[in-house]
């Protein structure tokens, strides 16, 4: 018996002794789906510079090629989020994108209108005091809805850079009303199968105020639109030390949690590899999702990271593996023991139930699950051995990106 198999058998025996239904847990892990972003495969950088990598993708086809590699080796990333202005440039036929994605074994996921990267948006988008500017943005979102309809996407993912830098620059309430009017028009145009996900952000690029600054504001805008509008939680869009798992539990209970943008942050919206700074937080978020069961059934799990230093495909595989670990550990929480400790007011035991699950080495379990799915047990090692990175580095080289972050 190999060391890997022996480690799994030992873990399985211990879990079985605790009454864990290992078959159910493996089934849930195999069914897990995580969406990767097209922009995560393109050149990116900081406000100071875009740092190029030789194999970085430019076209939507190249991005789909790279995303397909992540799915090939992890087995749980079948969809790819797209940015309309970066991916559906002039001459790109949405139907051809659908066909090409299918040929690579993936499909188009969330549709993201791009409403922040042109001179046009200097004074905002849907909170802009200029009605012509707001009209331009609404038309872009309506165009994005139409693209979503053509490619079969059921998620319209919205983030706005609207805000101000100085007191007196704008009227808070007027801007709030403009945001509501614009969102309601777009919402009314969505097909019945589509959900609008409204993302929030504490600050940046506006440093005095942001028009959708937290989950409560996003929730209010969702309520003003209708039941197909839900809140999108980006892990990096909060003040430091905010209890994100509490927000997740609250929104789940309200039926208002639409999805996630997974990443990690040390200081602000760092867009670091998920789990690289605070893996315990990712685990605690997943415990709320696991506990909510049916209420979390339609939550969309999306990655939002732009890797300027790490090799892009490797970093995405690493992210997916870290998310899998968090989910696997959350599935091992002994809920009956946790509920008993809470009922008895036993703080130490309640915390230890979570710590015990978090400290469990689930790597043998994940390796076993991958083997049962017909995958290599170590996705990163398998990708490195495939030669794909050397191939795209050689074929693509360093290039200027005509659109997007690069």
Protein backbone atom coordinates (compact mmCIF):
# COMPACT_ATOMS: atom_id res chain seq x y z
CA UNK A 1 0.00 0.00 0.00
CA UNK A 2 1.36 3.43 -0.95
CA UNK A 3 1.92 6.13 1.64
CA UNK A 4 -0.97 8.12 0.14
CA UNK A 5 -3.39 5.17 0.36
CA UNK A 6 -2.26 4.37 3.88
CA UNK A 7 -2.86 7.96 4.97
CA UNK A 8 -6.35 7.88 3.46
CA UNK A 9 -7.22 4.55 5.12
CA UNK A 10 -6.08 5.91 8.47
CA UNK A 11 -8.12 9.09 8.05
CA UNK A 12 -11.15 7.16 6.81
CA UNK A 13 -11.04 4.80 9.78
CA UNK A 14 -10.94 7.70 12.21
CA UNK A 15 -13.81 9.49 10.50
CA UNK A 16 -15.91 6.33 10.36
CA UNK A 17 -15.37 5.82 14.10
CA UNK A 18 -16.79 9.31 14.62
CA UNK A 19 -19.88 8.39 12.62
CA UNK A 20 -18.92 10.46 9.57
CA UNK A 21 -20.66 9.41 6.34
CA UNK A 22 -17.57 9.36 4.16
CA UNK A 23 -19.48 8.44 1.02
CA UNK A 24 -21.68 11.53 1.31
CA UNK A 25 -18.71 13.78 1.96
CA UNK A 26 -16.83 12.45 -1.05
CA UNK A 27 -19.93 12.94 -3.18
CA UNK A 28 -20.18 16.59 -2.09
CA UNK A 29 -16.52 17.20 -2.81
CA UNK A 30 -16.86 15.70 -6.27
CA UNK A 31 -19.88 17.92 -6.96
CA UNK A 32 -18.15 21.11 -5.82
CA UNK A 33 -17.94 23.79 -8.53
CA UNK A 34 -15.70 26.87 -8.51
CA UNK A 35 -15.72 29.46 -11.29
CA UNK A 36 -12.41 30.95 -12.41
CA UNK A 37 -12.14 34.42 -13.99
CA UNK A 38 -10.97 35.09 -17.54
CA UNK A 39 -8.99 38.10 -16.31
CA UNK A 40 -7.04 35.88 -13.93
CA UNK A 41 -5.18 34.45 -16.92
CA UNK A 42 -4.23 37.83 -18.41
CA UNK A 43 -1.45 40.26 -17.53
CA UNK A 44 -2.15 42.35 -14.45
CA UNK A 45 -0.33 44.58 -12.03
CA UNK A 46 -0.68 47.48 -9.62
CA UNK A 47 -1.59 51.13 -9.98
CA UNK A 48 2.08 51.69 -10.81
CA UNK A 49 2.59 49.22 -13.63
CA UNK A 50 1.32 46.15 -15.44
CA UNK A 51 3.82 43.32 -15.05
CA UNK A 52 3.89 40.98 -18.01
CA UNK A 53 4.34 37.22 -18.09
CA UNK A 54 5.36 35.40 -21.28
CA UNK A 55 2.39 33.03 -21.36
CA UNK A 56 -0.32 35.48 -20.32
CA UNK A 57 -3.55 35.22 -22.29
CA UNK A 58 -4.97 38.05 -24.40
CA UNK A 59 -7.93 36.74 -26.38
CA UNK A 60 -11.01 35.10 -24.92
CA UNK A 61 -9.97 31.89 -26.67
CA UNK A 62 -6.58 31.87 -24.93
CA UNK A 63 -8.24 32.57 -21.59
CA UNK A 64 -10.62 29.67 -22.12
CA UNK A 65 -7.67 27.46 -23.08
CA UNK A 66 -5.94 28.29 -19.80
CA UNK A 67 -9.08 27.95 -17.70
CA UNK A 68 -9.64 24.55 -19.28
CA UNK A 69 -6.25 23.46 -17.94
CA UNK A 70 -7.33 24.30 -14.41
CA UNK A 71 -10.51 22.29 -14.88
CA UNK A 72 -8.58 19.42 -16.48
CA UNK A 73 -6.42 18.97 -13.40
CA UNK A 74 -8.85 19.91 -10.61
CA UNK A 75 -12.12 18.65 -12.05
CA UNK A 76 -14.19 21.30 -10.27
CA UNK A 77 -13.88 24.49 -12.39
CA UNK A 78 -16.21 23.99 -15.37
CA UNK A 79 -17.18 27.65 -15.86
CA UNK A 80 -15.27 30.84 -16.65
CA UNK A 81 -16.42 34.34 -15.67
CA UNK A 82 -15.95 36.96 -18.38
CA UNK A 83 -15.55 40.76 -18.50
CA UNK A 84 -17.57 42.13 -21.39
CA UNK A 85 -15.30 44.98 -22.51
CA UNK A 86 -12.18 42.82 -22.19
CA UNK A 87 -13.46 39.57 -23.68
CA UNK A 88 -16.24 40.46 -26.12
CA UNK A 89 -14.27 42.98 -28.11
CA UNK A 90 -15.23 44.01 -31.64
CA UNK A 91 -15.48 41.01 -33.94
CA UNK A 92 -16.04 38.44 -31.17
CA UNK A 93 -19.21 36.43 -31.77
CA UNK A 94 -20.80 35.21 -28.49
CA UNK A 95 -22.09 32.06 -30.18
CA UNK A 96 -18.61 31.21 -31.41
CA UNK A 97 -17.27 31.73 -27.88
CA UNK A 98 -19.85 29.24 -26.60
CA UNK A 99 -18.76 26.67 -29.17
CA UNK A 100 -15.08 27.23 -28.49
CA UNK A 101 -15.56 26.93 -24.73
CA UNK A 102 -17.42 23.65 -25.20
CA UNK A 103 -14.61 22.34 -27.39
CA UNK A 104 -12.23 22.93 -24.47
CA UNK A 105 -14.51 21.29 -21.92
CA UNK A 106 -15.68 24.48 -20.16
CA UNK A 107 -18.47 27.03 -20.53
CA UNK A 108 -19.03 30.74 -20.01
CA UNK A 109 -20.12 31.66 -16.50
CA UNK A 110 -20.90 35.02 -14.92
CA UNK A 111 -21.15 38.09 -17.15
CA UNK A 112 -19.30 41.12 -15.78
CA UNK A 113 -19.97 44.50 -17.39
CA UNK A 114 -16.83 46.68 -17.37
CA UNK A 115 -17.72 50.08 -15.93
CA UNK A 116 -14.59 51.63 -14.53
CA UNK A 117 -11.67 51.68 -16.93
CA UNK A 118 -12.31 54.50 -19.38
CA UNK A 119 -11.98 58.28 -19.16
CA UNK A 120 -15.75 58.28 -19.47
CA UNK A 121 -16.07 57.04 -15.88
CA UNK A 122 -14.04 59.81 -14.23
CA UNK A 123 -17.11 60.99 -12.30
CA UNK A 124 -18.69 57.59 -11.82
CA UNK A 125 -21.04 55.30 -13.69
CA UNK A 126 -24.57 54.76 -12.33
CA UNK A 127 -24.05 57.44 -9.66
CA UNK A 128 -22.72 59.96 -12.17
CA UNK A 129 -24.46 63.35 -12.01
CA UNK A 130 -24.58 63.41 -15.82
CA UNK A 131 -27.74 61.62 -17.08
CA UNK A 132 -26.04 60.91 -20.42
CA UNK A 133 -23.24 59.11 -18.60
CA UNK A 134 -25.74 57.03 -16.64
CA UNK A 135 -27.54 56.21 -19.91
CA UNK A 136 -24.28 55.02 -21.42
CA UNK A 137 -23.65 52.71 -18.47
CA UNK A 138 -27.16 51.30 -18.44
CA UNK A 139 -26.92 50.58 -22.16
CA UNK A 140 -23.64 48.74 -21.53
CA UNK A 141 -25.29 46.63 -18.83
CA UNK A 142 -28.25 45.90 -21.11
CA UNK A 143 -25.77 44.83 -23.78
CA UNK A 144 -24.16 42.57 -21.19
CA UNK A 145 -27.55 41.05 -20.36
CA UNK A 146 -28.01 40.31 -24.04
CA UNK A 147 -24.58 38.65 -24.23
CA UNK A 148 -25.50 36.61 -21.16
CA UNK A 149 -28.67 35.49 -22.89
CA UNK A 150 -26.70 34.43 -25.97
CA UNK A 151 -24.07 32.45 -24.08
CA UNK A 152 -26.49 30.88 -21.59
CA UNK A 153 -25.17 32.68 -18.51
CA UNK A 154 -27.47 32.93 -15.51
CA UNK A 155 -25.42 35.49 -13.53
CA UNK A 156 -24.98 39.22 -14.15
CA UNK A 157 -22.19 40.24 -11.77
CA UNK A 158 -22.05 43.98 -11.00
CA UNK A 159 -19.33 46.02 -9.32
CA UNK A 160 -19.15 49.80 -9.52
CA UNK A 161 -16.21 52.07 -8.79
CA UNK A 162 -18.58 54.93 -7.98
CA UNK A 163 -17.65 57.17 -5.10
CA UNK A 164 -16.08 60.50 -4.21
CA UNK A 165 -12.76 61.67 -2.81
CA UNK A 166 -13.83 64.88 -1.08
CA UNK A 167 -16.70 66.18 1.09
CA UNK A 168 -19.11 68.20 -1.01
CA UNK A 169 -18.13 66.45 -4.23
CA UNK A 170 -21.50 64.72 -4.52
CA UNK A 171 -24.89 64.38 -2.85
CA UNK A 172 -25.21 61.00 -1.08
CA UNK A 173 -28.98 60.68 -1.44
CA UNK A 174 -29.24 61.84 -5.04
CA UNK A 175 -26.53 59.36 -5.98
CA UNK A 176 -28.40 56.60 -4.11
CA UNK A 177 -31.55 57.32 -6.13
CA UNK A 178 -29.64 57.30 -9.43
CA UNK A 179 -28.10 53.93 -8.54
CA UNK A 180 -31.54 52.51 -7.76
CA UNK A 181 -33.07 53.76 -11.01
CA UNK A 182 -30.27 52.33 -13.13
CA UNK A 183 -30.27 48.95 -11.41
CA UNK A 184 -34.05 48.65 -11.65
CA UNK A 185 -34.01 49.26 -15.41
CA UNK A 186 -31.38 46.57 -15.95
CA UNK A 187 -33.14 44.17 -13.60
CA UNK A 188 -36.39 44.53 -15.54
CA UNK A 189 -34.58 43.52 -18.75
CA UNK A 190 -33.09 40.29 -17.39
CA UNK A 191 -34.49 36.93 -18.51
CA UNK A 192 -36.25 34.87 -15.79
CA UNK A 193 -33.26 32.53 -15.50
CA UNK A 194 -30.75 35.29 -14.74
CA UNK A 195 -29.71 36.59 -11.33
CA UNK A 196 -28.26 40.02 -10.67
CA UNK A 197 -25.43 39.92 -8.13
CA UNK A 198 -24.54 43.27 -6.58
CA UNK A 199 -21.02 43.55 -5.19
CA UNK A 200 -19.92 46.09 -2.62
CA UNK A 201 -16.57 47.57 -1.63
CA UNK A 202 -15.48 49.58 1.38
CA UNK A 203 -13.27 52.00 -0.54
CA UNK A 204 -11.16 52.48 -3.68
CA UNK A 205 -11.02 54.27 -5.99
CA UNK A 206 -13.13 56.72 -3.98
CA UNK A 207 -11.44 57.52 -0.68
CA UNK A 208 -14.14 59.71 0.91
CA UNK A 209 -17.18 57.57 0.21
CA UNK A 210 -18.22 54.64 -1.97
CA UNK A 211 -21.81 54.46 -3.24
CA UNK A 212 -22.18 50.74 -2.48
CA UNK A 213 -19.83 50.50 0.48
CA UNK A 214 -21.01 47.43 2.40
CA UNK A 215 -23.28 44.40 2.36
CA UNK A 216 -26.18 46.31 3.91
CA UNK A 217 -26.25 48.87 1.11
CA UNK A 218 -25.99 46.12 -1.50
CA UNK A 219 -28.84 44.29 0.24
CA UNK A 220 -31.06 47.39 0.12
CA UNK A 221 -30.44 47.84 -3.60
CA UNK A 222 -31.26 44.15 -4.13
CA UNK A 223 -34.53 44.54 -2.24
CA UNK A 224 -35.41 47.54 -4.40
CA UNK A 225 -34.93 45.43 -7.53
CA UNK A 226 -36.53 42.10 -6.70
CA UNK A 227 -35.92 38.45 -5.74
CA UNK A 228 -33.53 37.79 -8.64
CA UNK A 229 -31.11 40.35 -7.18
CA UNK A 230 -28.71 39.09 -4.51
CA UNK A 231 -25.55 40.22 -2.72
CA UNK A 232 -22.09 39.19 -3.92
CA UNK A 233 -19.43 38.95 -1.21
CA UNK A 234 -15.81 39.62 -2.19
CA UNK A 235 -13.49 38.52 0.62
CA UNK A 236 -11.17 41.49 0.08
CA UNK A 237 -13.79 44.24 0.10
CA UNK A 238 -14.08 44.79 3.85
CA UNK A 239 -12.35 46.69 6.60
CA UNK A 240 -9.69 44.59 8.29
CA UNK A 241 -11.00 42.13 10.90
CA UNK A 242 -14.62 42.36 9.73
CA UNK A 243 -16.39 39.08 10.51
CA UNK A 244 -17.22 37.90 6.99
CA UNK A 245 -18.65 34.56 8.15
CA UNK A 246 -21.22 36.51 10.18
CA UNK A 247 -22.22 38.47 7.07
CA UNK A 248 -22.50 35.20 5.14
CA UNK A 249 -24.73 33.62 7.79
CA UNK A 250 -26.97 36.70 7.92
CA UNK A 251 -27.39 36.89 4.15
CA UNK A 252 -28.00 33.15 3.87
CA UNK A 253 -30.78 33.40 6.44
CA UNK A 254 -32.31 36.24 4.44
CA UNK A 255 -32.06 34.28 1.19
CA UNK A 256 -29.96 37.13 -0.14
CA UNK A 257 -26.50 35.60 -0.64
CA UNK A 258 -25.87 35.28 -4.36
CA UNK A 259 -22.22 34.34 -4.49
CA UNK A 260 -18.60 34.94 -3.66
CA UNK A 261 -15.52 36.41 -5.19
CA UNK A 262 -12.81 34.36 -3.50
CA UNK A 263 -9.39 35.86 -2.84
CA UNK A 264 -7.41 36.88 0.24
CA UNK A 265 -6.18 40.16 1.69
CA UNK A 266 -3.71 41.41 4.23
CA UNK A 267 -4.31 45.15 4.02
CA UNK A 268 -7.08 46.01 1.54
CA UNK A 269 -8.32 44.56 -1.76
CA UNK A 270 -5.06 42.69 -2.29
CA UNK A 271 -6.49 39.97 -4.59
CA UNK A 272 -4.09 37.42 -3.12
CA UNK A 273 -4.38 33.65 -3.48
CA UNK A 274 -7.35 32.39 -1.49
CA UNK A 275 -6.22 30.99 1.85
CA UNK A 276 -2.73 32.50 1.62
CA UNK A 277 -3.30 34.95 4.49
CA UNK A 278 -6.21 33.65 6.54
CA UNK A 279 -7.18 30.04 5.75
CA UNK A 280 -9.12 29.80 9.03
CA UNK A 281 -11.46 32.53 7.80
CA UNK A 282 -12.16 30.64 4.57
CA UNK A 283 -12.92 27.53 6.66
CA UNK A 284 -15.28 29.45 8.97
CA UNK A 285 -17.10 30.87 5.95
CA UNK A 286 -17.57 27.36 4.61
CA UNK A 287 -18.88 26.12 7.96
CA UNK A 288 -21.76 28.59 7.58
CA UNK A 289 -22.37 27.43 4.03
CA UNK A 290 -22.34 23.76 5.01
CA UNK A 291 -24.62 24.40 7.98
CA UNK A 292 -27.09 26.29 5.79
CA UNK A 293 -27.39 23.31 3.42
CA UNK A 294 -30.39 23.96 1.15
CA UNK A 295 -30.25 27.73 1.60
CA UNK A 296 -26.75 27.68 0.14
CA UNK A 297 -27.68 25.42 -2.78
CA UNK A 298 -27.65 28.18 -5.43
CA UNK A 299 -24.67 30.17 -4.14
CA UNK A 300 -22.16 30.90 -6.92
CA UNK A 301 -18.53 30.26 -5.96
CA UNK A 302 -16.31 32.48 -8.10
CA UNK A 303 -12.63 33.39 -7.89
CA UNK A 304 -11.58 37.02 -8.37
CA UNK A 305 -7.79 37.18 -8.40
CA UNK A 306 -5.23 38.77 -10.70
CA UNK A 307 -1.77 37.30 -10.23
CA UNK A 308 1.01 39.72 -11.07
CA UNK A 309 3.87 37.66 -9.64
CA UNK A 310 2.81 34.00 -9.50
CA UNK A 311 2.43 31.97 -12.69
CA UNK A 312 -1.23 32.47 -13.46
CA UNK A 313 -2.45 28.92 -14.05
CA UNK A 314 -0.41 27.53 -11.16
CA UNK A 315 -1.81 30.22 -8.86
CA UNK A 316 -5.35 29.41 -9.95
CA UNK A 317 -4.83 25.70 -9.28
CA UNK A 318 -3.38 26.56 -5.88
CA UNK A 319 -6.43 28.71 -5.12
CA UNK A 320 -8.87 25.99 -6.13
CA UNK A 321 -7.05 23.43 -4.00
CA UNK A 322 -7.15 25.77 -0.99
CA UNK A 323 -10.90 26.27 -1.44
CA UNK A 324 -11.36 22.50 -1.67
CA UNK A 325 -9.48 22.08 1.60
CA UNK A 326 -11.66 24.64 3.37
CA UNK A 327 -14.82 22.92 2.15
CA UNK A 328 -13.56 19.45 3.07
CA UNK A 329 -12.69 20.58 6.60
CA UNK A 330 -16.08 22.27 7.02
CA UNK A 331 -17.77 19.01 6.02
CA UNK A 332 -16.02 17.32 8.96
CA UNK A 333 -17.44 19.60 11.66
CA UNK A 334 -19.28 17.58 14.33
CA UNK A 335 -22.48 19.59 14.37
CA UNK A 336 -24.18 17.71 17.18
CA UNK A 337 -21.22 18.32 19.48
CA UNK A 338 -21.13 21.97 18.47
CA UNK A 339 -24.85 22.46 19.13
CA UNK A 340 -24.55 20.72 22.50
CA UNK A 341 -21.64 22.93 23.54
CA UNK A 342 -23.57 26.03 22.49
CA UNK A 343 -26.70 24.92 24.33
CA UNK A 344 -24.65 24.33 27.49
CA UNK A 345 -22.79 27.62 27.15
CA UNK A 346 -19.53 25.68 26.89
CA UNK A 347 -17.40 28.17 24.98
CA UNK A 348 -14.16 26.18 25.03
CA UNK A 349 -15.69 22.96 23.71
CA UNK A 350 -17.65 24.79 21.05
CA UNK A 351 -14.53 26.46 19.72
CA UNK A 352 -12.58 23.22 19.89
CA UNK A 353 -15.13 21.46 17.69
CA UNK A 354 -14.27 23.93 14.94
CA UNK A 355 -10.54 23.85 15.64
CA UNK A 356 -10.49 20.04 15.49
CA UNK A 357 -12.12 20.06 12.05
CA UNK A 358 -9.81 22.83 10.81
CA UNK A 359 -6.71 20.99 12.04
CA UNK A 360 -7.68 17.76 10.28
CA UNK A 361 -5.33 16.89 7.43
CA UNK A 362 -7.82 16.45 4.58
CA UNK A 363 -5.20 16.09 1.86
CA UNK A 364 -5.45 12.24 1.84
CA UNK A 365 -9.23 12.56 1.43
CA UNK A 366 -8.92 15.03 -1.44
CA UNK A 367 -6.32 12.88 -3.17
CA UNK A 368 -8.66 9.89 -2.92
CA UNK A 369 -11.56 11.92 -4.29
CA UNK A 370 -9.48 13.06 -7.26
CA UNK A 371 -8.37 9.52 -8.04
CA UNK A 372 -11.99 8.36 -7.95
CA UNK A 373 -12.77 11.19 -10.42
CA UNK A 374 -10.06 9.91 -12.74
CA UNK A 375 -7.70 12.78 -11.92
CA UNK A 376 -4.11 12.95 -10.74
CA UNK A 377 -4.03 13.20 -6.93
CA UNK A 378 -1.80 16.30 -7.02
CA UNK A 379 -3.23 18.81 -9.54
CA UNK A 380 -0.32 21.23 -9.39
CA UNK A 381 2.32 18.55 -9.92
CA UNK A 382 0.31 17.07 -12.78
CA UNK A 383 -0.04 20.45 -14.46
CA UNK A 384 3.68 21.15 -14.14
CA UNK A 385 4.45 17.79 -15.70
CA UNK A 386 2.09 18.43 -18.63
CA UNK A 387 4.39 20.88 -20.41
CA UNK A 388 1.54 23.30 -21.09
CA UNK A 389 3.21 26.27 -19.40
CA UNK A 390 6.41 25.91 -21.41
CA UNK A 391 4.30 25.61 -24.56
CA UNK A 392 2.33 28.84 -24.05
CA UNK A 393 5.42 30.70 -22.81
CA UNK A 394 7.14 29.81 -26.07
CA UNK A 395 4.19 30.39 -28.38
CA UNK A 396 2.82 33.57 -26.82
CA UNK A 397 5.86 35.27 -25.35
CA UNK A 398 5.58 38.79 -23.90
CA UNK A 399 2.83 40.81 -25.59
CA UNK A 400 0.90 44.02 -25.21
CA UNK A 401 -2.73 43.49 -24.29
CA UNK A 402 -5.07 45.76 -26.29
CA UNK A 403 -7.74 45.54 -23.58
CA UNK A 404 -8.26 44.58 -19.97
CA UNK A 405 -5.87 44.95 -17.07
CA UNK A 406 -2.89 44.52 -19.33
